[in-house]
Amino acid sequence: MSPTPLRFLYLAGFFICAALLGTAYYFEIVEFMEPCPLCMAQRFFVLMVGIFCLLAFLFDNFRIPSRLSLGLGSAFAIGGAFVADHHVYIQNLPPEDVPACGPSFEYLMDTLPLDALLNIMLEGNGNCADISWMYMDMSMPQWMRLIFIVFAVVGVISLIISWRRGNRLQAA
């Protein structure tokens, strides 16, 4: 089976994820914007989408690994969209309904077991309600929600194309 025309789209997805993570670390290290638990969860989803984009690129010649990579990458993109959507929800709550601010992420990592840490990360807290950056009237979580949705849609379409292409090759 020869590589698909979408192969380099998968590589572009990997580089986009790398750029998103680089941008997140720029804001953290250079601009001193401390990430909240939901921001950290979104970084994890970006990392996973990027890894599966790279795997889809590398295994494009192999039907099952490429489809598995596309499916899992799409699933992580959908999960990231849900986390970003929850983050946007918290940012739009009235001040009296915002959850209380919690301890720092580093403290949580040092003191909590993994399941409790994941639960707190996905729930968010008062730190998640702060909007410290906007571009074109959209906050970072709003942009990430949009980016995750695009990744999910492109991943599902690529999976469908891969499936149809594989079925045509079997019929020939």
C-alpha atoms as a PDB file:
ATOM      1  CA  MET A   1       0.000   0.000   0.000  1.00  0.00           C
ATOM      2  CA  SER A   2       1.489   3.362  -1.007  1.00  0.00           C
ATOM      3  CA  PRO A   3       1.425   6.460   1.207  1.00  0.00           C
ATOM      4  CA  THR A   4      -1.752   8.508   1.142  1.00  0.00           C
ATOM      5  CA  PRO A   5      -1.870  12.097  -0.109  1.00  0.00           C
ATOM      6  CA  LEU A   6      -2.850  13.065   3.440  1.00  0.00           C
ATOM      7  CA  ARG A   7       0.439  11.779   4.837  1.00  0.00           C
ATOM      8  CA  PHE A   8       2.047  15.211   5.035  1.00  0.00           C
ATOM      9  CA  LEU A   9      -1.093  16.627   6.639  1.00  0.00           C
ATOM     10  CA  TYR A  10      -0.368  14.285   9.560  1.00  0.00           C
ATOM     11  CA  LEU A  11       3.186  15.645   9.770  1.00  0.00           C
ATOM     12  CA  ALA A  12       1.816  19.199   9.664  1.00  0.00           C
ATOM     13  CA  GLY A  13      -0.474  18.261  12.574  1.00  0.00           C
ATOM     14  CA  PHE A  14       2.547  17.104  14.550  1.00  0.00           C
ATOM     15  CA  PHE A  15       4.380  20.379  13.909  1.00  0.00           C
ATOM     16  CA  ILE A  16       1.288  22.419  14.782  1.00  0.00           C
ATOM     17  CA  CYS A  17       1.071  20.578  18.121  1.00  0.00           C
ATOM     18  CA  ALA A  18       4.787  21.175  18.730  1.00  0.00           C
ATOM     19  CA  ALA A  19       4.258  24.888  17.992  1.00  0.00           C
ATOM     20  CA  LEU A  20       1.263  25.009  20.351  1.00  0.00           C
ATOM     21  CA  LEU A  21       3.305  23.455  23.160  1.00  0.00           C
ATOM     22  CA  GLY A  22       6.203  25.793  22.424  1.00  0.00           C
ATOM     23  CA  THR A  23       3.832  28.755  22.586  1.00  0.00           C
ATOM     24  CA  ALA A  24       2.418  27.533  25.895  1.00  0.00           C
ATOM     25  CA  TYR A  25       5.914  27.302  27.357  1.00  0.00           C
ATOM     26  CA  TYR A  26       6.751  30.755  25.955  1.00  0.00           C
ATOM     27  CA  PHE A  27       3.770  32.241  27.801  1.00  0.00           C
ATOM     28  CA  GLU A  28       4.771  30.388  30.969  1.00  0.00           C
ATOM     29  CA  ILE A  29       8.516  31.065  30.965  1.00  0.00           C
ATOM     30  CA  VAL A  30       8.882  34.408  29.173  1.00  0.00           C
ATOM     31  CA  GLU A  31       5.549  36.089  29.931  1.00  0.00           C
ATOM     32  CA  PHE A  32       5.297  34.565  33.468  1.00  0.00           C
ATOM     33  CA  MET A  33       1.741  33.330  32.936  1.00  0.00           C
ATOM     34  CA  GLU A  34       1.252  30.469  35.384  1.00  0.00           C
ATOM     35  CA  PRO A  35      -0.844  27.668  33.820  1.00  0.00           C
ATOM     36  CA  CYS A  36      -3.935  26.520  35.688  1.00  0.00           C
ATOM     37  CA  PRO A  37      -4.886  22.826  36.050  1.00  0.00           C
ATOM     38  CA  LEU A  38      -7.137  22.934  32.974  1.00  0.00           C
ATOM     39  CA  CYS A  39      -4.330  24.526  30.951  1.00  0.00           C
ATOM     40  CA  MET A  40      -2.056  21.652  31.974  1.00  0.00           C
ATOM     41  CA  ALA A  41      -4.725  19.135  30.972  1.00  0.00           C
ATOM     42  CA  GLN A  42      -5.049  20.825  27.573  1.00  0.00           C
ATOM     43  CA  ARG A  43      -1.275  20.632  27.126  1.00  0.00           C
ATOM     44  CA  PHE A  44      -1.491  16.888  27.747  1.00  0.00           C
ATOM     45  CA  PHE A  45      -4.181  16.525  25.067  1.00  0.00           C
ATOM     46  CA  VAL A  46      -2.125  18.603  22.599  1.00  0.00           C
ATOM     47  CA  LEU A  47       0.879  16.374  23.302  1.00  0.00           C
ATOM     48  CA  MET A  48      -1.154  13.223  22.701  1.00  0.00           C
ATOM     49  CA  VAL A  49      -2.695  14.574  19.479  1.00  0.00           C
ATOM     50  CA  GLY A  50       0.812  15.478  18.278  1.00  0.00           C
ATOM     51  CA  ILE A  51       2.189  12.036  19.087  1.00  0.00           C
ATOM     52  CA  PHE A  52      -0.637  10.318  17.221  1.00  0.00           C
ATOM     53  CA  CYS A  53      -0.235  12.684  14.249  1.00  0.00           C
ATOM     54  CA  LEU A  54       3.428  11.683  14.096  1.00  0.00           C
ATOM     55  CA  LEU A  55       2.537   7.998  14.382  1.00  0.00           C
ATOM     56  CA  ALA A  56      -0.060   8.363  11.601  1.00  0.00           C
ATOM     57  CA  PHE A  57       2.653   9.935   9.433  1.00  0.00           C
ATOM     58  CA  LEU A  58       5.199   7.211  10.220  1.00  0.00           C
ATOM     59  CA  PHE A  59       2.785   4.286   9.814  1.00  0.00           C
ATOM     60  CA  ASP A  60       0.831   5.610   6.843  1.00  0.00           C
ATOM     61  CA  ASN A  61       1.816   2.572   4.757  1.00  0.00           C
ATOM     62  CA  PHE A  62       0.328   0.183   7.312  1.00  0.00           C
ATOM     63  CA  ARG A  63      -3.456   0.014   7.411  1.00  0.00           C
ATOM     64  CA  ILE A  64      -4.160  -0.920  11.053  1.00  0.00           C
ATOM     65  CA  PRO A  65      -1.480   1.202  12.811  1.00  0.00           C
ATOM     66  CA  SER A  66      -2.347   4.277  10.751  1.00  0.00           C
ATOM     67  CA  ARG A  67      -6.071   3.889  11.403  1.00  0.00           C
ATOM     68  CA  LEU A  68      -5.423   3.289  15.092  1.00  0.00           C
ATOM     69  CA  SER A  69      -3.257   6.428  15.227  1.00  0.00           C
ATOM     70  CA  LEU A  70      -5.901   8.495  13.459  1.00  0.00           C
ATOM     71  CA  GLY A  71      -8.646   7.160  15.713  1.00  0.00           C
ATOM     72  CA  LEU A  72      -6.748   7.743  18.940  1.00  0.00           C
ATOM     73  CA  GLY A  73      -5.552  11.171  17.798  1.00  0.00           C
ATOM     74  CA  SER A  74      -9.151  12.117  17.015  1.00  0.00           C
ATOM     75  CA  ALA A  75     -10.285  10.785  20.397  1.00  0.00           C
ATOM     76  CA  PHE A  76      -7.673  12.874  22.214  1.00  0.00           C
ATOM     77  CA  ALA A  77      -8.693  15.918  20.149  1.00  0.00           C
ATOM     78  CA  ILE A  78     -12.318  15.401  21.204  1.00  0.00           C
ATOM     79  CA  GLY A  79     -11.217  15.015  24.832  1.00  0.00           C
ATOM     80  CA  GLY A  80      -9.174  18.206  24.546  1.00  0.00           C
ATOM     81  CA  ALA A  81     -12.178  20.034  23.104  1.00  0.00           C
ATOM     82  CA  PHE A  82     -14.272  18.972  26.110  1.00  0.00           C
ATOM     83  CA  VAL A  83     -11.597  20.153  28.566  1.00  0.00           C
ATOM     84  CA  ALA A  84     -11.199  23.471  26.731  1.00  0.00           C
ATOM     85  CA  ASP A  85     -14.987  23.869  26.641  1.00  0.00           C
ATOM     86  CA  HIS A  86     -15.153  23.308  30.414  1.00  0.00           C
ATOM     87  CA  HIS A  87     -12.400  25.904  30.817  1.00  0.00           C
ATOM     88  CA  VAL A  88     -14.408  28.414  28.759  1.00  0.00           C
ATOM     89  CA  TYR A  89     -17.453  27.604  30.898  1.00  0.00           C
ATOM     90  CA  ILE A  90     -15.516  28.388  34.104  1.00  0.00           C
ATOM     91  CA  GLN A  91     -14.210  31.629  32.597  1.00  0.00           C
ATOM     92  CA  ASN A  92     -17.776  32.723  31.805  1.00  0.00           C
ATOM     93  CA  LEU A  93     -19.216  32.008  35.267  1.00  0.00           C
ATOM     94  CA  PRO A  94     -20.340  34.964  37.377  1.00  0.00           C
ATOM     95  CA  PRO A  95     -17.690  35.796  40.009  1.00  0.00           C
ATOM     96  CA  GLU A  96     -19.823  34.414  42.859  1.00  0.00           C
ATOM     97  CA  ASP A  97     -20.080  30.996  41.149  1.00  0.00           C
ATOM     98  CA  VAL A  98     -16.370  30.554  40.359  1.00  0.00           C
ATOM     99  CA  PRO A  99     -14.841  27.625  42.297  1.00  0.00           C
ATOM    100  CA  ALA A 100     -12.298  28.484  44.972  1.00  0.00           C
ATOM    101  CA  CYS A 101      -8.659  28.780  43.931  1.00  0.00           C
ATOM    102  CA  GLY A 102      -6.594  25.746  44.778  1.00  0.00           C
ATOM    103  CA  PRO A 103      -2.935  25.137  45.535  1.00  0.00           C
ATOM    104  CA  SER A 104      -0.298  25.294  42.795  1.00  0.00           C
ATOM    105  CA  PHE A 105      -0.011  22.526  40.225  1.00  0.00           C
ATOM    106  CA  GLU A 106       3.473  21.599  41.496  1.00  0.00           C
ATOM    107  CA  TYR A 107       2.142  21.156  45.022  1.00  0.00           C
ATOM    108  CA  LEU A 108      -0.711  18.987  43.740  1.00  0.00           C
ATOM    109  CA  MET A 109       1.738  16.813  41.790  1.00  0.00           C
ATOM    110  CA  ASP A 110       3.911  16.336  44.863  1.00  0.00           C
ATOM    111  CA  THR A 111       1.119  15.504  47.300  1.00  0.00           C
ATOM    112  CA  LEU A 112      -1.730  13.768  45.469  1.00  0.00           C
ATOM    113  CA  PRO A 113      -2.061  10.333  43.906  1.00  0.00           C
ATOM    114  CA  LEU A 114      -2.500  10.298  40.126  1.00  0.00           C
ATOM    115  CA  ASP A 115      -6.268   9.695  40.118  1.00  0.00           C
ATOM    116  CA  ALA A 116      -6.938  12.607  42.496  1.00  0.00           C
ATOM    117  CA  LEU A 117      -4.569  14.852  40.510  1.00  0.00           C
ATOM    118  CA  LEU A 118      -6.379  14.034  37.248  1.00  0.00           C
ATOM    119  CA  ASN A 119      -9.749  14.682  38.857  1.00  0.00           C
ATOM    120  CA  ILE A 120      -8.664  18.114  40.127  1.00  0.00           C
ATOM    121  CA  MET A 121      -7.028  18.968  36.793  1.00  0.00           C
ATOM    122  CA  LEU A 122     -10.195  18.194  34.860  1.00  0.00           C
ATOM    123  CA  GLU A 123     -12.520  20.001  37.280  1.00  0.00           C
ATOM    124  CA  GLY A 124     -10.570  23.239  37.342  1.00  0.00           C
ATOM    125  CA  ASN A 125     -10.560  25.877  40.061  1.00  0.00           C
ATOM    126  CA  GLY A 126     -10.643  29.630  40.535  1.00  0.00           C
ATOM    127  CA  ASN A 127      -7.271  30.035  38.838  1.00  0.00           C
ATOM    128  CA  CYS A 128      -8.937  28.723  35.673  1.00  0.00           C
ATOM    129  CA  ALA A 129     -11.403  31.635  35.662  1.00  0.00           C
ATOM    130  CA  ASP A 130      -8.671  34.214  35.073  1.00  0.00           C
ATOM    131  CA  ILE A 131      -8.423  35.484  31.511  1.00  0.00           C
ATOM    132  CA  SER A 132      -4.884  36.773  31.118  1.00  0.00           C
ATOM    133  CA  TRP A 133      -4.585  36.769  27.315  1.00  0.00           C
ATOM    134  CA  MET A 134      -6.965  37.441  24.437  1.00  0.00           C
ATOM    135  CA  TYR A 135      -6.566  37.584  20.684  1.00  0.00           C
ATOM    136  CA  MET A 136      -9.397  38.642  18.387  1.00  0.00           C
ATOM    137  CA  ASP A 137     -11.754  38.678  21.394  1.00  0.00           C
ATOM    138  CA  MET A 138     -11.058  35.008  22.189  1.00  0.00           C
ATOM    139  CA  SER A 139      -9.230  33.666  25.244  1.00  0.00           C
ATOM    140  CA  MET A 140      -6.656  30.864  25.096  1.00  0.00           C
ATOM    141  CA  PRO A 141      -9.194  28.168  26.013  1.00  0.00           C
ATOM    142  CA  GLN A 142     -11.549  29.419  23.309  1.00  0.00           C
ATOM    143  CA  TRP A 143      -8.748  29.168  20.756  1.00  0.00           C
ATOM    144  CA  MET A 144      -7.798  25.721  22.025  1.00  0.00           C
ATOM    145  CA  ARG A 145     -11.405  24.537  21.788  1.00  0.00           C
ATOM    146  CA  LEU A 146     -11.464  25.650  18.149  1.00  0.00           C
ATOM    147  CA  ILE A 147      -8.087  24.031  17.419  1.00  0.00           C
ATOM    148  CA  PHE A 148      -9.135  20.746  19.046  1.00  0.00           C
ATOM    149  CA  ILE A 149     -12.369  20.706  17.036  1.00  0.00           C
ATOM    150  CA  VAL A 150     -10.411  21.224  13.800  1.00  0.00           C
ATOM    151  CA  PHE A 151      -8.014  18.408  14.754  1.00  0.00           C
ATOM    152  CA  ALA A 152     -10.945  16.110  15.546  1.00  0.00           C
ATOM    153  CA  VAL A 153     -12.768  16.879  12.293  1.00  0.00           C
ATOM    154  CA  VAL A 154      -9.625  16.470  10.173  1.00  0.00           C
ATOM    155  CA  GLY A 155      -8.757  13.253  12.021  1.00  0.00           C
ATOM    156  CA  VAL A 156     -12.195  11.719  11.493  1.00  0.00           C
ATOM    157  CA  ILE A 157     -12.246  12.738   7.816  1.00  0.00           C
ATOM    158  CA  SER A 158      -8.756  11.261   7.371  1.00  0.00           C
ATOM    159  CA  LEU A 159      -9.896   8.059   9.046  1.00  0.00           C
ATOM    160  CA  ILE A 160     -12.904   7.839   6.718  1.00  0.00           C
ATOM    161  CA  ILE A 161     -10.683   8.446   3.675  1.00  0.00           C
ATOM    162  CA  SER A 162      -8.248   5.801   4.906  1.00  0.00           C
ATOM    163  CA  TRP A 163     -11.094   3.335   5.414  1.00  0.00           C
ATOM    164  CA  ARG A 164     -12.577   3.956   1.968  1.00  0.00           C
ATOM    165  CA  ARG A 165      -9.170   3.764   0.314  1.00  0.00           C
ATOM    166  CA  GLY A 166      -8.417   0.462   2.024  1.00  0.00           C
ATOM    167  CA  ASN A 167     -11.774  -0.978   0.954  1.00  0.00           C
ATOM    168  CA  ARG A 168     -11.190   0.073  -2.671  1.00  0.00           C
ATOM    169  CA  LEU A 169      -7.758  -1.566  -2.677  1.00  0.00           C
ATOM    170  CA  GLN A 170      -9.218  -4.805  -1.308  1.00  0.00           C
ATOM    171  CA  ALA A 171     -11.940  -4.842  -3.976  1.00  0.00           C
ATOM    172  CA  ALA A 172      -9.445  -4.319  -6.810  1.00  0.00           C
END
